[in-house]
Amino acid sequence: MTLAPETTDLKVRLRLTDGWFTACDLSALLPGRGVAALLPDGRQVALFRDRSGELYAIDNRDPFSGAGVLSRGLTGTHQGRPFVASPLLKQRFDLSSGQCLDDESVRVTTYEVRAS
């Protein structure tokens, strides 16, 4: 979902199996920087907003190290695909699909996300 920069009073919501969950205020997401949010089941999600306003949500747990750090990773694009690079071992994860760009056998969970 792409949003205008001036829509800062909105809430970021994730689709979970039992409905929509409010994760944070949209104003908490600065373009190019991640934010971690705690889900009701105790897992963490990493939320991102790119410079065009597109929102992304993936698991915060780095599958290579087991640490909850993906929200602190560096964002970028590779061949037109938005990604976050783990701050620990630098593997890159596609923010749209969750696919690891450096190891095709690894993927993180992605979530449908919207602001409303």
Protein backbone atom coordinates (compact mmCIF):
# COMPACT_ATOMS: atom_id res chain seq x y z
CA MET A 1 0.00 0.00 0.00
CA THR A 2 1.42 3.41 -0.96
CA LEU A 3 0.56 6.45 1.14
CA ALA A 4 1.14 10.17 0.89
CA PRO A 5 3.74 11.44 3.39
CA GLU A 6 1.21 13.72 5.09
CA THR A 7 -0.99 10.83 6.32
CA THR A 8 0.71 10.51 9.71
CA ASP A 9 -2.38 10.09 11.91
CA LEU A 10 -3.03 6.60 10.52
CA LYS A 11 -2.38 3.25 12.23
CA VAL A 12 -0.32 0.46 10.69
CA ARG A 13 -2.26 -2.81 10.73
CA LEU A 14 -1.19 -6.37 9.94
CA ARG A 15 -3.43 -9.22 8.82
CA LEU A 16 -3.10 -12.13 11.23
CA THR A 17 -5.08 -15.39 11.11
CA ASP A 18 -7.80 -13.98 13.38
CA GLY A 19 -8.10 -10.51 11.81
CA TRP A 20 -6.30 -7.17 11.64
CA PHE A 21 -3.83 -6.24 14.39
CA THR A 22 -2.79 -2.62 15.07
CA ALA A 23 1.00 -2.57 15.28
CA CYS A 24 1.91 1.14 15.55
CA ASP A 25 1.22 4.66 14.34
CA LEU A 26 2.24 5.29 10.74
CA SER A 27 4.29 8.25 11.98
CA ALA A 28 6.62 5.77 13.76
CA LEU A 29 7.80 4.45 10.39
CA LEU A 30 10.47 6.65 8.87
CA PRO A 31 11.37 5.89 5.25
CA GLY A 32 14.31 3.52 5.04
CA ARG A 33 14.24 2.58 8.74
CA GLY A 34 12.59 -0.37 10.44
CA VAL A 35 10.53 -0.69 13.61
CA ALA A 36 9.91 -3.86 15.61
CA ALA A 37 6.46 -4.63 17.01
CA LEU A 38 5.33 -7.40 19.35
CA LEU A 39 2.51 -9.62 18.08
CA PRO A 40 -0.17 -11.05 20.41
CA ASP A 41 1.43 -14.53 20.28
CA GLY A 42 4.83 -13.19 21.42
CA ARG A 43 6.54 -13.16 18.01
CA GLN A 44 8.05 -9.97 16.63
CA VAL A 45 7.44 -8.35 13.28
CA ALA A 46 9.71 -5.89 11.47
CA LEU A 47 7.84 -3.02 9.81
CA PHE A 48 9.25 -0.85 7.04
CA ARG A 49 8.13 2.12 4.95
CA ASP A 50 10.04 3.01 1.82
CA ARG A 51 10.55 6.48 0.38
CA SER A 52 7.49 6.11 -1.89
CA GLY A 53 5.30 5.26 1.14
CA GLU A 54 5.00 1.52 0.48
CA LEU A 55 4.62 -0.54 3.68
CA TYR A 56 6.20 -3.93 4.37
CA ALA A 57 6.05 -6.37 7.29
CA ILE A 58 8.25 -9.45 7.80
CA ASP A 59 9.32 -11.60 10.74
CA ASN A 60 11.88 -9.74 12.84
CA ARG A 61 13.82 -12.95 13.56
CA ASP A 62 16.95 -13.44 11.46
CA PRO A 63 16.80 -17.14 10.47
CA PHE A 64 20.60 -17.38 10.24
CA SER A 65 21.40 -16.10 13.74
CA GLY A 66 18.05 -16.56 15.52
CA ALA A 67 18.20 -12.97 16.82
CA GLY A 68 15.30 -10.52 16.54
CA VAL A 69 17.21 -7.88 14.57
CA LEU A 70 15.84 -7.52 11.02
CA SER A 71 14.04 -4.30 11.96
CA ARG A 72 17.50 -2.78 12.53
CA GLY A 73 18.84 -3.81 9.13
CA LEU A 74 19.78 -1.61 6.20
CA THR A 75 17.20 -1.27 3.44
CA GLY A 76 17.83 -1.04 -0.26
CA THR A 77 16.84 -2.45 -3.64
CA HIS A 78 18.37 -5.17 -5.78
CA GLN A 79 17.15 -5.57 -9.36
CA GLY A 80 14.05 -3.57 -8.42
CA ARG A 81 13.29 -5.71 -5.36
CA PRO A 82 13.12 -3.94 -1.97
CA PHE A 83 15.16 -5.71 0.70
CA VAL A 84 16.49 -5.46 4.23
CA ALA A 85 19.99 -6.71 5.05
CA SER A 86 20.43 -8.33 8.43
CA PRO A 87 22.66 -6.19 10.67
CA LEU A 88 24.45 -9.33 11.88
CA LEU A 89 25.42 -11.52 8.93
CA LYS A 90 24.26 -9.20 6.11
CA GLN A 91 21.94 -11.65 4.32
CA ARG A 92 19.33 -9.73 2.32
CA PHE A 93 15.59 -10.50 2.56
CA ASP A 94 13.08 -9.39 -0.06
CA LEU A 95 10.53 -7.25 1.78
CA SER A 96 7.68 -8.30 -0.54
CA SER A 97 8.18 -12.07 -0.58
CA GLY A 98 10.43 -12.79 2.42
CA GLN A 99 12.85 -14.70 0.15
CA CYS A 100 16.51 -14.51 1.12
CA LEU A 101 18.35 -13.04 -1.86
CA ASP A 102 21.60 -14.69 -0.79
CA ASP A 103 20.30 -18.22 -0.06
CA GLU A 104 17.24 -19.33 -2.06
CA SER A 105 16.47 -22.08 0.50
CA VAL A 106 15.69 -19.54 3.25
CA ARG A 107 12.67 -17.31 3.63
CA VAL A 108 11.02 -15.25 6.39
CA THR A 109 7.29 -14.83 6.85
CA THR A 110 5.69 -11.75 5.32
CA TYR A 111 2.46 -10.12 6.45
CA GLU A 112 -0.21 -8.21 4.60
CA VAL A 113 0.04 -4.66 5.91
CA ARG A 114 -2.06 -1.52 5.52
CA ALA A 115 -2.51 1.89 7.06
CA SER A 116 -5.97 3.04 8.02
